[in-house]
Amino acid sequence: MVSLNTMTLTGKAVETRQALLLMGFILSKFILQYTLLSPEYDLQRDEYLHLDQANHLAWGYLSVPPITSWLSWIIKQLGNSVFWVKFFPALFGALTIVIVWKTIQALKGNTFALVLGATSVLFSVLLRLNTLYQPNSLDVLCWTSLYFVILKCIQTRQLNWFIAGGLVFAIGFLNKYNIGFLLAGFIPALLLTRQRNLLFSRNAFIACLVGTLLVLPNLLWQYNNGFPVIHHMNQLAAYQLVNVDRWAFLRAQFFFFAGSSFVIVLALYALLVYPPFRPYRSFFWAFFGTILVFLYFRAKDYYAIGLHPIYLAFGSVFIAEALKTGWKRYLQPVCLLIPVGFFGFMYQFAFPNRSPSYIVANSRIYQELGQLRWEDGKEHPLPQDYADMLGWQELAAKVDQLYAKLPEPNRTLVLCDNYGQAGAINYYTKQGIQAVSFNADYVNWFDLDTYYTNLIRVKEAGEVSDEFRVTSPYFKTAIVGDSIQNPWAREHGTAIFVFTGAKVDIRRRITKEIDQVKQFH
């Protein structure tokens, strides 16, 4: 007969082994994230905007809710190096693995289930997503965390889990409004099951109250600024989402977790037929309900990435139970090798670990996988994210050189066409330049107290010809100072104009332009 002490000792040994395995996955996550980026690439254009928000803290922005700016402020305090820029998305990816791990434990999964779930998350699209400092990495973590909290609410009905749900939703909302799609898919799903009483409980009311109070400052900011999020969504719908192919959206969901798609499929099957999962039947309906909402709004495919990790937990537990005994145990290594094998295949072309020249020379595979199709619906030499990671240091260095040669450089306005240009200049500058733009959040960051005598105008390629005619009359001299020469950069051909000796106070023209942009928003 096994003694109680022996059972306790064995249990502790299992816990220790599982803890060491989890630490191994976390360490592997960080190592992979830092090795999947080629040094030939700069940061991506969105990253520069997010980093610049650290210099303009507020409860809201035209581009994103405020949490990204808080993270950027932390990165700034840590030195603003690329290491820390890449640290936080890697951290959020690692925490996503932890939440899936905890979900499997909550579902009574064994060690193999834990390893399968962690492996499935590690070797997935998150390796690509977590290379960029954008709200998307935290968005996926918040989706996974909120699903986990809902599961715990179903299991325990305890108030503290409901409050945690309100808190997680608020963090997700203050990071990216995309988490609203989770509720749009899950609330109807709950109504279809016996768990519907959760929605009408006192605990649910308290959770809603907590979430509302936490997001209220951002809602007030939206109200006071005319709800720019609505304009932003209209712009997306008109110029980007209109190009979304719904079938391509569905295909992308498979490729995001290609190596572990069998785990997700079996999770959905188990949620219908596996008795221990009966209390969680709402997760089955939520999956398809959320996909339908995304399809209706023609959402970008990556908006739905956060939907999947929680189903890797359900699938891993079901598979581990099915392969627990007999000859089926020998299939366990196969299940683990499938996502690892797909990663080995995807490593060749799914990450910015190849030079632009290599990608152009081997473009066929990239094209067949749809990676060369940009948001404009057209094919290009490089994936859009990669092209958006080139030319920025070149731009900043050339602007710095021109700025240093100007008379009264401290009276120079550096005005850019888009937020990527302005953010990159401000990130890399050695001259303390604070470039601005009428694009995105920069429209609120102009310094109108300085009387400008010079103007450095950064103009996108294709819009260069009229710049002299429009701007030269306001200045004594005008030249084309330089341009971006990197042939693979999305900003290739972007010109840098230099105007000196202002004849008028250009702040009047700037103020008028700002007012027009804000009215448009």
Protein backbone atom coordinates (compact mmCIF):
# COMPACT_ATOMS: atom_id res chain seq x y z
CA MET A 1 0.00 0.00 0.00
CA VAL A 2 1.39 3.43 -0.97
CA SER A 3 1.76 5.76 2.00
CA LEU A 4 0.39 9.31 2.06
CA ASN A 5 3.92 10.70 2.43
CA THR A 6 5.05 8.82 -0.69
CA MET A 7 2.09 10.18 -2.66
CA THR A 8 2.88 13.71 -1.47
CA LEU A 9 6.52 13.32 -2.44
CA THR A 10 5.55 12.01 -5.87
CA GLY A 11 3.13 14.91 -6.35
CA LYS A 12 5.84 17.42 -5.49
CA ALA A 13 8.23 15.75 -7.92
CA VAL A 14 5.66 16.09 -10.70
CA GLU A 15 5.07 19.75 -9.83
CA THR A 16 8.80 20.42 -9.86
CA ARG A 17 9.24 18.73 -13.21
CA GLN A 18 6.33 20.65 -14.69
CA ALA A 19 7.68 23.94 -13.33
CA LEU A 20 11.08 23.25 -14.89
CA LEU A 21 9.44 22.39 -18.21
CA LEU A 22 7.49 25.64 -18.15
CA MET A 23 10.66 27.62 -17.46
CA GLY A 24 12.27 25.84 -20.39
CA PHE A 25 9.47 26.92 -22.72
CA ILE A 26 9.67 30.51 -21.48
CA LEU A 27 13.43 30.61 -22.00
CA SER A 28 13.05 29.07 -25.48
CA LYS A 29 10.47 31.72 -26.33
CA PHE A 30 12.81 34.59 -25.52
CA ILE A 31 15.76 33.00 -27.32
CA LEU A 32 13.73 32.41 -30.48
CA GLN A 33 12.28 35.91 -30.52
CA TYR A 34 15.72 37.50 -30.43
CA THR A 35 17.17 35.19 -33.07
CA LEU A 36 14.40 35.41 -35.68
CA LEU A 37 15.26 38.99 -36.62
CA SER A 38 17.98 39.79 -39.14
CA PRO A 39 20.08 42.85 -38.22
CA GLU A 40 19.53 44.13 -41.77
CA TYR A 41 16.10 45.34 -40.72
CA ASP A 42 15.21 48.43 -38.70
CA LEU A 43 12.14 48.69 -36.49
CA GLN A 44 8.76 48.63 -38.21
CA ARG A 45 6.98 51.94 -38.92
CA ASP A 46 4.24 51.38 -36.30
CA GLU A 47 6.87 50.76 -33.62
CA TYR A 48 8.29 54.27 -34.04
CA LEU A 49 4.89 55.86 -33.51
CA HIS A 50 4.24 53.76 -30.41
CA LEU A 51 7.65 54.61 -28.96
CA ASP A 52 7.11 58.32 -29.56
CA GLN A 53 3.89 58.19 -27.54
CA ALA A 54 6.08 57.92 -24.44
CA ASN A 55 6.82 61.63 -24.95
CA HIS A 56 3.13 62.55 -25.10
CA LEU A 57 1.33 60.53 -22.41
CA ALA A 58 -2.46 60.75 -22.55
CA TRP A 59 -5.59 58.67 -21.93
CA GLY A 60 -6.07 58.11 -25.63
CA TYR A 61 -4.62 58.54 -29.11
CA LEU A 62 -5.92 58.68 -32.65
CA SER A 63 -4.13 55.41 -33.42
CA VAL A 64 -4.40 53.22 -30.30
CA PRO A 65 -5.67 53.24 -26.70
CA PRO A 66 -3.19 54.35 -24.00
CA ILE A 67 -1.49 51.20 -22.65
CA THR A 68 1.08 51.11 -25.46
CA SER A 69 2.23 54.60 -24.47
CA TRP A 70 2.72 53.46 -20.87
CA LEU A 71 4.86 50.56 -22.03
CA SER A 72 6.80 52.94 -24.26
CA TRP A 73 7.46 55.17 -21.26
CA ILE A 74 8.92 52.17 -19.41
CA ILE A 75 11.09 51.33 -22.44
CA LYS A 76 12.29 54.94 -22.51
CA GLN A 77 13.28 54.78 -18.85
CA LEU A 78 15.21 51.58 -19.61
CA GLY A 79 17.22 53.31 -22.32
CA ASN A 80 14.98 52.99 -25.42
CA SER A 81 17.24 50.32 -26.91
CA VAL A 82 16.04 47.77 -29.46
CA PHE A 83 16.56 45.05 -26.83
CA TRP A 84 13.81 46.50 -24.64
CA VAL A 85 11.60 47.33 -27.61
CA LYS A 86 11.61 43.63 -28.50
CA PHE A 87 11.46 42.44 -24.89
CA PHE A 88 7.84 43.30 -24.20
CA PRO A 89 6.20 41.51 -27.15
CA ALA A 90 8.39 38.49 -26.33
CA LEU A 91 7.24 38.73 -22.69
CA PHE A 92 3.58 38.84 -23.71
CA GLY A 93 4.15 35.80 -25.93
CA ALA A 94 5.79 33.94 -23.04
CA LEU A 95 2.90 34.85 -20.73
CA THR A 96 0.46 33.51 -23.33
CA ILE A 97 2.23 30.15 -22.99
CA VAL A 98 1.87 30.43 -19.20
CA ILE A 99 -1.89 31.10 -19.43
CA VAL A 100 -2.41 28.13 -21.75
CA TRP A 101 -0.36 26.04 -19.29
CA LYS A 102 -2.55 27.18 -16.39
CA THR A 103 -5.69 26.45 -18.41
CA ILE A 104 -4.53 22.88 -19.04
CA GLN A 105 -3.87 22.45 -15.33
CA ALA A 106 -7.35 23.81 -14.57
CA LEU A 107 -8.74 21.16 -16.95
CA LYS A 108 -6.76 18.44 -15.08
CA GLY A 109 -4.39 17.80 -17.97
CA ASN A 110 -1.27 15.70 -17.40
CA THR A 111 2.35 16.53 -18.18
CA PHE A 112 2.06 15.49 -21.82
CA ALA A 113 -0.96 17.76 -22.25
CA LEU A 114 1.03 20.64 -20.79
CA VAL A 115 3.97 20.02 -23.11
CA LEU A 116 1.73 19.64 -26.17
CA GLY A 117 -0.14 22.86 -25.39
CA ALA A 118 3.05 24.84 -24.77
CA THR A 119 4.70 23.43 -27.89
CA SER A 120 1.65 24.33 -29.98
CA VAL A 121 1.70 27.92 -28.75
CA LEU A 122 5.47 28.30 -29.00
CA PHE A 123 5.77 27.08 -32.61
CA SER A 124 2.96 29.15 -34.08
CA VAL A 125 2.28 32.51 -35.69
CA LEU A 126 3.04 34.11 -32.31
CA LEU A 127 6.74 33.83 -33.14
CA ARG A 128 6.07 36.23 -36.02
CA LEU A 129 3.59 38.42 -34.14
CA ASN A 130 5.87 38.78 -31.13
CA THR A 131 8.73 40.19 -33.23
CA LEU A 132 6.94 43.55 -33.49
CA TYR A 133 6.30 46.11 -30.76
CA GLN A 134 2.61 46.63 -31.44
CA PRO A 135 -0.58 46.21 -29.38
CA ASN A 136 -1.19 42.83 -31.05
CA SER A 137 1.01 40.77 -28.71
CA LEU A 138 -0.72 42.05 -25.58
CA ASP A 139 -4.05 41.70 -27.37
CA VAL A 140 -3.50 37.96 -27.83
CA LEU A 141 -2.44 37.64 -24.19
CA CYS A 142 -5.58 39.46 -23.03
CA TRP A 143 -7.85 37.30 -25.21
CA THR A 144 -6.25 34.14 -23.82
CA SER A 145 -6.37 35.45 -20.25
CA LEU A 146 -10.02 36.48 -20.49
CA TYR A 147 -10.99 33.08 -21.85
CA PHE A 148 -9.09 31.48 -18.95
CA VAL A 149 -10.91 33.69 -16.45
CA ILE A 150 -14.27 32.79 -18.01
CA LEU A 151 -13.36 29.13 -17.61
CA LYS A 152 -12.53 29.71 -13.95
CA CYS A 153 -15.81 31.59 -13.47
CA ILE A 154 -17.66 28.56 -14.87
CA GLN A 155 -15.70 26.25 -12.55
CA THR A 156 -15.87 28.23 -9.32
CA ARG A 157 -18.56 30.96 -9.58
CA GLN A 158 -16.30 32.93 -7.23
CA LEU A 159 -16.47 36.74 -7.19
CA ASN A 160 -12.70 37.19 -7.38
CA TRP A 161 -12.62 35.52 -10.81
CA PHE A 162 -15.40 37.77 -12.08
CA ILE A 163 -13.50 40.82 -10.86
CA ALA A 164 -10.40 39.45 -12.58
CA GLY A 165 -12.47 39.22 -15.76
CA GLY A 166 -13.40 42.89 -15.53
CA LEU A 167 -9.76 43.78 -14.96
CA VAL A 168 -8.46 41.69 -17.86
CA PHE A 169 -11.11 43.09 -20.20
CA ALA A 170 -10.17 46.64 -19.17
CA ILE A 171 -6.48 46.00 -19.84
CA GLY A 172 -7.37 44.50 -23.20
CA PHE A 173 -9.67 47.40 -24.06
CA LEU A 174 -7.09 50.00 -23.05
CA ASN A 175 -4.59 48.17 -25.24
CA LYS A 176 -6.71 47.50 -28.35
CA TYR A 177 -10.44 47.77 -28.92
CA ASN A 178 -10.27 44.46 -30.78
CA ILE A 179 -11.12 42.60 -27.57
CA GLY A 180 -14.71 43.76 -28.04
CA PHE A 181 -15.01 41.04 -30.69
CA LEU A 182 -14.39 38.45 -27.97
CA LEU A 183 -17.48 39.56 -26.07
CA ALA A 184 -19.47 39.81 -29.30
CA GLY A 185 -18.74 36.15 -29.91
CA PHE A 186 -18.92 34.81 -26.35
CA ILE A 187 -22.01 36.45 -24.88
CA PRO A 188 -24.38 34.88 -27.48
CA ALA A 189 -22.51 31.58 -26.99
CA LEU A 190 -23.23 31.64 -23.26
CA LEU A 191 -26.90 32.31 -23.96
CA LEU A 192 -27.02 29.06 -25.95
CA THR A 193 -25.86 26.96 -22.98
CA ARG A 194 -26.77 26.22 -19.39
CA GLN A 195 -24.12 28.66 -18.26
CA ARG A 196 -26.30 31.61 -19.35
CA ASN A 197 -27.14 32.34 -15.71
CA LEU A 198 -23.56 33.61 -15.32
CA LEU A 199 -24.50 36.67 -17.38
CA PHE A 200 -27.33 37.65 -15.06
CA SER A 201 -25.58 37.11 -11.76
CA ARG A 202 -24.57 39.71 -9.19
CA ASN A 203 -20.94 38.78 -9.79
CA ALA A 204 -21.24 39.54 -13.52
CA PHE A 205 -22.73 42.95 -12.70
CA ILE A 206 -19.78 43.72 -10.41
CA ALA A 207 -17.34 42.60 -13.13
CA CYS A 208 -19.03 44.92 -15.65
CA LEU A 209 -18.84 47.77 -13.15
CA VAL A 210 -15.11 47.18 -12.55
CA GLY A 211 -14.38 47.02 -16.27
CA THR A 212 -16.43 50.14 -17.02
CA LEU A 213 -14.77 52.21 -14.30
CA LEU A 214 -11.30 51.23 -15.52
CA VAL A 215 -11.96 52.09 -19.17
CA LEU A 216 -13.96 55.24 -18.38
CA PRO A 217 -10.98 57.67 -18.69
CA ASN A 218 -10.37 56.45 -22.23
CA LEU A 219 -14.06 56.67 -23.10
CA LEU A 220 -14.11 60.24 -21.82
CA TRP A 221 -11.03 61.01 -23.94
CA GLN A 222 -12.82 59.58 -26.98
CA TYR A 223 -15.89 61.68 -26.20
CA ASN A 224 -13.90 64.90 -25.69
CA ASN A 225 -12.07 64.34 -28.98
CA GLY A 226 -15.10 63.49 -31.07
CA PHE A 227 -14.64 59.70 -30.98
CA PRO A 228 -11.71 59.48 -33.41
CA VAL A 229 -11.89 55.68 -33.17
CA ILE A 230 -15.03 55.84 -35.31
CA HIS A 231 -13.19 57.85 -37.98
CA HIS A 232 -10.29 55.40 -37.75
CA MET A 233 -12.60 52.43 -38.31
CA ASN A 234 -14.29 54.20 -41.22
CA GLN A 235 -10.89 54.83 -42.79
CA LEU A 236 -9.94 51.19 -42.32
CA ALA A 237 -13.19 50.05 -43.87
CA ALA A 238 -12.82 52.39 -46.84
CA TYR A 239 -9.16 51.87 -47.71
CA GLN A 240 -7.97 48.58 -46.19
CA LEU A 241 -10.76 46.26 -45.03
CA VAL A 242 -12.48 46.65 -48.38
CA ASN A 243 -9.57 44.67 -49.84
CA VAL A 244 -9.98 41.79 -47.35
CA ASP A 245 -10.84 38.47 -49.00
CA ARG A 246 -13.05 36.48 -46.62
CA TRP A 247 -11.76 33.15 -47.93
CA ALA A 248 -8.21 34.40 -47.46
CA PHE A 249 -9.18 35.32 -43.88
CA LEU A 250 -10.31 31.74 -43.23
CA ARG A 251 -7.22 30.24 -44.87
CA ALA A 252 -5.01 32.44 -42.72
CA GLN A 253 -6.60 31.08 -39.55
CA PHE A 254 -5.32 27.65 -40.54
CA PHE A 255 -1.83 28.84 -41.39
CA PHE A 256 -1.48 30.83 -38.17
CA PHE A 257 -1.45 27.57 -36.21
CA ALA A 258 -0.75 25.19 -39.08
CA GLY A 259 1.39 22.80 -37.04
CA SER A 260 -1.19 22.55 -34.29
CA SER A 261 -4.40 22.91 -36.29
CA PHE A 262 -5.24 19.28 -35.46
CA VAL A 263 -5.21 20.23 -31.76
CA ILE A 264 -7.75 23.03 -32.36
CA VAL A 265 -9.99 20.79 -34.50
CA LEU A 266 -9.98 18.09 -31.84
CA ALA A 267 -10.69 20.71 -29.19
CA LEU A 268 -13.86 21.74 -31.01
CA TYR A 269 -14.85 18.09 -31.38
CA ALA A 270 -14.19 17.42 -27.69
CA LEU A 271 -16.23 20.45 -26.61
CA LEU A 272 -19.23 18.75 -28.25
CA VAL A 273 -18.77 15.11 -27.22
CA TYR A 274 -16.23 14.81 -24.36
CA PRO A 275 -18.22 14.62 -21.06
CA PRO A 276 -15.66 16.45 -18.86
CA PHE A 277 -15.88 19.44 -21.26
CA ARG A 278 -19.67 19.66 -21.12
CA PRO A 279 -19.63 22.70 -18.77
CA TYR A 280 -17.52 24.54 -21.36
CA ARG A 281 -19.80 23.94 -24.37
CA SER A 282 -20.09 27.73 -24.78
CA PHE A 283 -16.47 27.77 -25.99
CA PHE A 284 -17.56 25.72 -29.01
CA TRP A 285 -20.24 28.21 -30.03
CA ALA A 286 -17.98 31.14 -29.19
CA PHE A 287 -15.34 29.99 -31.67
CA PHE A 288 -17.67 30.01 -34.65
CA GLY A 289 -19.63 33.02 -33.44
CA THR A 290 -16.47 35.10 -33.19
CA ILE A 291 -15.27 33.98 -36.63
CA LEU A 292 -18.63 35.00 -38.11
CA VAL A 293 -18.41 38.45 -36.51
CA PHE A 294 -14.93 38.92 -37.94
CA LEU A 295 -16.11 37.80 -41.38
CA TYR A 296 -19.09 40.15 -41.27
CA PHE A 297 -16.87 43.16 -40.60
CA ARG A 298 -14.22 42.01 -43.12
CA ALA A 299 -11.61 42.11 -40.36
CA LYS A 300 -7.93 41.61 -41.08
CA ASP A 301 -6.90 38.01 -40.58
CA TYR A 302 -4.51 38.70 -37.68
CA TYR A 303 -7.31 40.28 -35.62
CA ALA A 304 -8.47 36.73 -34.83
CA ILE A 305 -5.15 35.29 -33.64
CA GLY A 306 -6.14 35.72 -29.99
CA LEU A 307 -9.10 33.42 -30.52
CA HIS A 308 -7.00 30.27 -30.94
CA PRO A 309 -4.59 29.68 -27.99
CA ILE A 310 -7.28 28.74 -25.48
CA TYR A 311 -8.47 25.95 -27.80
CA LEU A 312 -4.95 24.55 -27.85
CA ALA A 313 -5.46 23.95 -24.12
CA PHE A 314 -8.75 22.09 -24.61
CA GLY A 315 -7.34 20.06 -27.49
CA SER A 316 -4.16 19.14 -25.62
CA VAL A 317 -6.09 17.79 -22.65
CA PHE A 318 -8.38 15.75 -24.90
CA ILE A 319 -5.50 14.33 -26.95
CA ALA A 320 -3.48 13.48 -23.83
CA GLU A 321 -6.42 11.55 -22.43
CA ALA A 322 -6.98 9.75 -25.74
CA LEU A 323 -3.30 8.74 -26.01
CA LYS A 324 -2.87 7.86 -22.37
CA THR A 325 -2.61 4.08 -22.54
CA GLY A 326 -1.72 1.18 -24.80
CA TRP A 327 -0.10 1.51 -28.18
CA LYS A 328 -1.55 5.02 -28.55
CA ARG A 329 1.12 6.32 -26.17
CA TYR A 330 3.61 5.97 -29.03
CA LEU A 331 1.68 8.67 -30.93
CA GLN A 332 2.53 11.26 -28.29
CA PRO A 333 5.96 12.12 -29.79
CA VAL A 334 4.33 12.42 -33.22
CA CYS A 335 1.91 15.03 -31.88
CA LEU A 336 4.84 17.03 -30.54
CA LEU A 337 6.89 16.71 -33.71
CA ILE A 338 4.14 18.05 -36.00
CA PRO A 339 4.25 21.69 -34.75
CA VAL A 340 8.05 21.53 -34.48
CA GLY A 341 8.27 20.24 -38.05
CA PHE A 342 5.99 22.97 -39.37
CA PHE A 343 8.16 25.54 -37.62
CA GLY A 344 11.21 24.11 -39.35
CA PHE A 345 9.41 24.58 -42.67
CA MET A 346 8.08 28.06 -41.84
CA TYR A 347 11.48 29.18 -40.56
CA GLN A 348 12.60 29.42 -44.18
CA PHE A 349 10.18 32.20 -45.16
CA ALA A 350 7.82 33.30 -42.38
CA PHE A 351 10.20 35.50 -40.38
CA PRO A 352 12.37 38.55 -41.13
CA ASN A 353 15.49 36.40 -40.83
CA ARG A 354 16.36 36.56 -44.53
CA SER A 355 17.86 39.51 -46.37
CA PRO A 356 15.66 41.50 -48.79
CA SER A 357 17.79 40.35 -51.72
CA TYR A 358 17.25 36.70 -50.72
CA ILE A 359 13.49 37.18 -50.54
CA VAL A 360 13.36 38.88 -53.93
CA ALA A 361 15.47 36.10 -55.48
CA ASN A 362 13.19 33.43 -53.94
CA SER A 363 9.88 35.26 -54.19
CA ARG A 364 7.79 32.37 -55.53
CA ILE A 365 7.14 30.69 -52.17
CA TYR A 366 6.38 34.06 -50.56
CA GLN A 367 3.93 34.86 -53.34
CA GLU A 368 2.20 31.49 -53.16
CA LEU A 369 1.61 32.00 -49.44
CA GLY A 370 0.17 35.47 -50.04
CA GLN A 371 2.92 37.27 -48.16
CA LEU A 372 3.64 39.69 -50.99
CA ARG A 373 0.07 40.98 -51.06
CA TRP A 374 -0.16 44.28 -49.17
CA GLU A 375 -3.10 46.10 -47.65
CA ASP A 376 -3.62 47.89 -50.98
CA GLY A 377 -4.49 44.52 -52.52
CA LYS A 378 -1.44 44.54 -54.82
CA GLU A 379 1.65 42.32 -55.07
CA HIS A 380 5.05 43.77 -54.05
CA PRO A 381 8.68 42.52 -53.95
CA LEU A 382 8.74 42.09 -50.13
CA PRO A 383 6.13 41.37 -47.46
CA GLN A 384 4.67 44.65 -46.26
CA ASP A 385 6.01 44.35 -42.72
CA TYR A 386 9.52 43.73 -44.06
CA ALA A 387 9.40 46.71 -46.44
CA ASP A 388 8.21 48.77 -43.48
CA MET A 389 11.41 47.81 -41.62
CA LEU A 390 13.84 49.33 -44.12
CA GLY A 391 15.21 52.80 -44.84
CA TRP A 392 14.44 54.41 -41.50
CA GLN A 393 17.97 54.81 -40.16
CA GLU A 394 19.00 56.12 -43.57
CA LEU A 395 16.23 58.72 -43.44
CA ALA A 396 17.08 59.85 -39.90
CA ALA A 397 20.82 60.12 -40.64
CA LYS A 398 20.22 62.25 -43.75
CA VAL A 399 17.76 64.54 -41.96
CA ASP A 400 20.27 64.94 -39.12
CA GLN A 401 23.02 65.93 -41.56
CA LEU A 402 20.84 68.51 -43.30
CA TYR A 403 19.52 69.85 -40.00
CA ALA A 404 23.05 70.40 -38.63
CA LYS A 405 24.01 72.57 -41.63
CA LEU A 406 21.09 74.97 -41.31
CA PRO A 407 21.29 78.50 -39.90
CA GLU A 408 19.35 78.61 -36.63
CA PRO A 409 18.61 74.86 -36.61
CA ASN A 410 16.57 75.25 -33.41
CA ARG A 411 14.08 77.26 -35.49
CA THR A 412 13.59 74.43 -37.96
CA LEU A 413 10.33 72.56 -38.40
CA VAL A 414 10.76 68.96 -39.58
CA LEU A 415 7.46 68.09 -41.24
CA CYS A 416 6.83 64.57 -42.55
CA ASP A 417 4.14 62.99 -44.69
CA ASN A 418 3.47 60.05 -42.37
CA TYR A 419 3.94 58.88 -38.81
CA GLY A 420 6.60 56.33 -39.72
CA GLN A 421 8.91 59.04 -41.06
CA ALA A 422 8.36 61.32 -38.06
CA GLY A 423 8.71 58.51 -35.52
CA ALA A 424 11.89 57.10 -37.08
CA ILE A 425 13.56 60.51 -37.19
CA ASN A 426 12.68 61.15 -33.54
CA TYR A 427 13.91 57.71 -32.49
CA TYR A 428 17.28 57.78 -34.28
CA THR A 429 18.10 61.50 -34.28
CA LYS A 430 21.40 62.67 -32.81
CA GLN A 431 20.32 66.32 -33.07
CA GLY A 432 17.35 66.24 -30.71
CA ILE A 433 14.91 66.75 -33.58
CA GLN A 434 11.18 66.50 -32.86
CA ALA A 435 9.67 65.77 -36.25
CA VAL A 436 5.91 66.03 -36.72
CA SER A 437 3.27 65.18 -39.30
CA PHE A 438 -0.38 65.86 -40.06
CA ASN A 439 -0.75 62.09 -39.98
CA ALA A 440 -2.01 60.04 -36.99
CA ASP A 441 -1.21 61.28 -33.46
CA TYR A 442 1.43 63.75 -34.62
CA VAL A 443 -1.28 66.23 -35.55
CA ASN A 444 -1.63 66.88 -31.79
CA TRP A 445 2.11 67.22 -31.13
CA PHE A 446 3.10 70.37 -33.02
CA ASP A 447 5.10 73.04 -31.20
CA LEU A 448 3.36 76.26 -32.18
CA ASP A 449 5.31 78.44 -29.73
CA THR A 450 8.46 78.53 -31.89
CA TYR A 451 8.85 81.00 -34.76
CA TYR A 452 10.21 78.84 -37.58
CA THR A 453 12.69 80.22 -40.10
CA ASN A 454 13.51 76.87 -41.77
CA LEU A 455 11.56 73.85 -42.92
CA ILE A 456 12.73 70.32 -43.64
CA ARG A 457 9.95 68.65 -45.58
CA VAL A 458 9.97 64.83 -45.84
CA LYS A 459 7.82 63.92 -48.81
CA GLU A 460 6.70 60.47 -49.95
CA ALA A 461 7.79 59.27 -53.38
CA GLY A 462 5.28 60.11 -56.07
CA GLU A 463 4.26 63.35 -54.37
CA VAL A 464 7.45 65.30 -54.96
CA SER A 465 6.80 67.34 -58.09
CA ASP A 466 4.44 69.92 -56.56
CA GLU A 467 6.42 70.58 -53.39
CA PHE A 468 8.56 73.40 -54.84
CA ARG A 469 5.56 75.10 -56.40
CA VAL A 470 3.48 74.94 -53.22
CA THR A 471 6.08 75.70 -50.54
CA SER A 472 8.90 77.71 -52.21
CA PRO A 473 7.01 81.06 -52.24
CA TYR A 474 7.12 81.10 -48.44
CA PHE A 475 10.94 80.83 -48.24
CA LYS A 476 14.01 82.51 -49.72
CA THR A 477 15.79 79.27 -50.74
CA ALA A 478 14.65 75.76 -51.58
CA ILE A 479 16.58 72.60 -52.47
CA VAL A 480 16.13 68.84 -52.60
CA GLY A 481 18.53 67.79 -49.88
CA ASP A 482 18.46 64.01 -50.32
CA SER A 483 16.20 60.95 -50.61
CA ILE A 484 15.90 57.36 -49.40
CA GLN A 485 17.90 55.11 -51.70
CA ASN A 486 17.20 51.65 -50.25
CA PRO A 487 15.43 49.93 -53.18
CA TRP A 488 13.47 47.50 -50.98
CA ALA A 489 12.14 50.05 -48.51
CA ARG A 490 8.49 50.98 -48.69
CA GLU A 491 9.77 54.54 -48.37
CA HIS A 492 12.11 54.18 -51.37
CA GLY A 493 12.29 57.52 -53.18
CA THR A 494 11.02 59.56 -50.24
CA ALA A 495 12.55 63.02 -50.73
CA ILE A 496 13.92 65.46 -48.17
CA PHE A 497 13.33 69.12 -49.09
CA VAL A 498 15.11 71.95 -47.32
CA PHE A 499 13.60 75.43 -47.20
CA THR A 500 15.37 78.34 -45.46
CA GLY A 501 14.64 81.99 -44.72
CA ALA A 502 10.92 81.99 -44.04
CA LYS A 503 9.20 85.09 -45.50
CA VAL A 504 6.07 84.65 -43.38
CA ASP A 505 5.05 83.12 -40.09
CA ILE A 506 4.37 79.57 -41.28
CA ARG A 507 2.65 78.72 -38.03
CA ARG A 508 -0.56 80.26 -39.44
CA ARG A 509 -0.56 77.83 -42.32
CA ILE A 510 0.26 74.96 -39.94
CA THR A 511 -2.59 75.90 -37.59
CA LYS A 512 -5.03 76.03 -40.47
CA GLU A 513 -3.90 72.59 -41.66
CA ILE A 514 -4.19 71.14 -38.16
CA ASP A 515 -7.74 72.47 -37.84
CA GLN A 516 -8.72 70.92 -41.16
CA VAL A 517 -7.27 67.54 -40.17
CA LYS A 518 -9.02 67.58 -36.79
CA GLN A 519 -12.33 68.50 -38.41
CA PHE A 520 -11.85 65.57 -40.77
CA HIS A 521 -11.25 63.28 -37.79
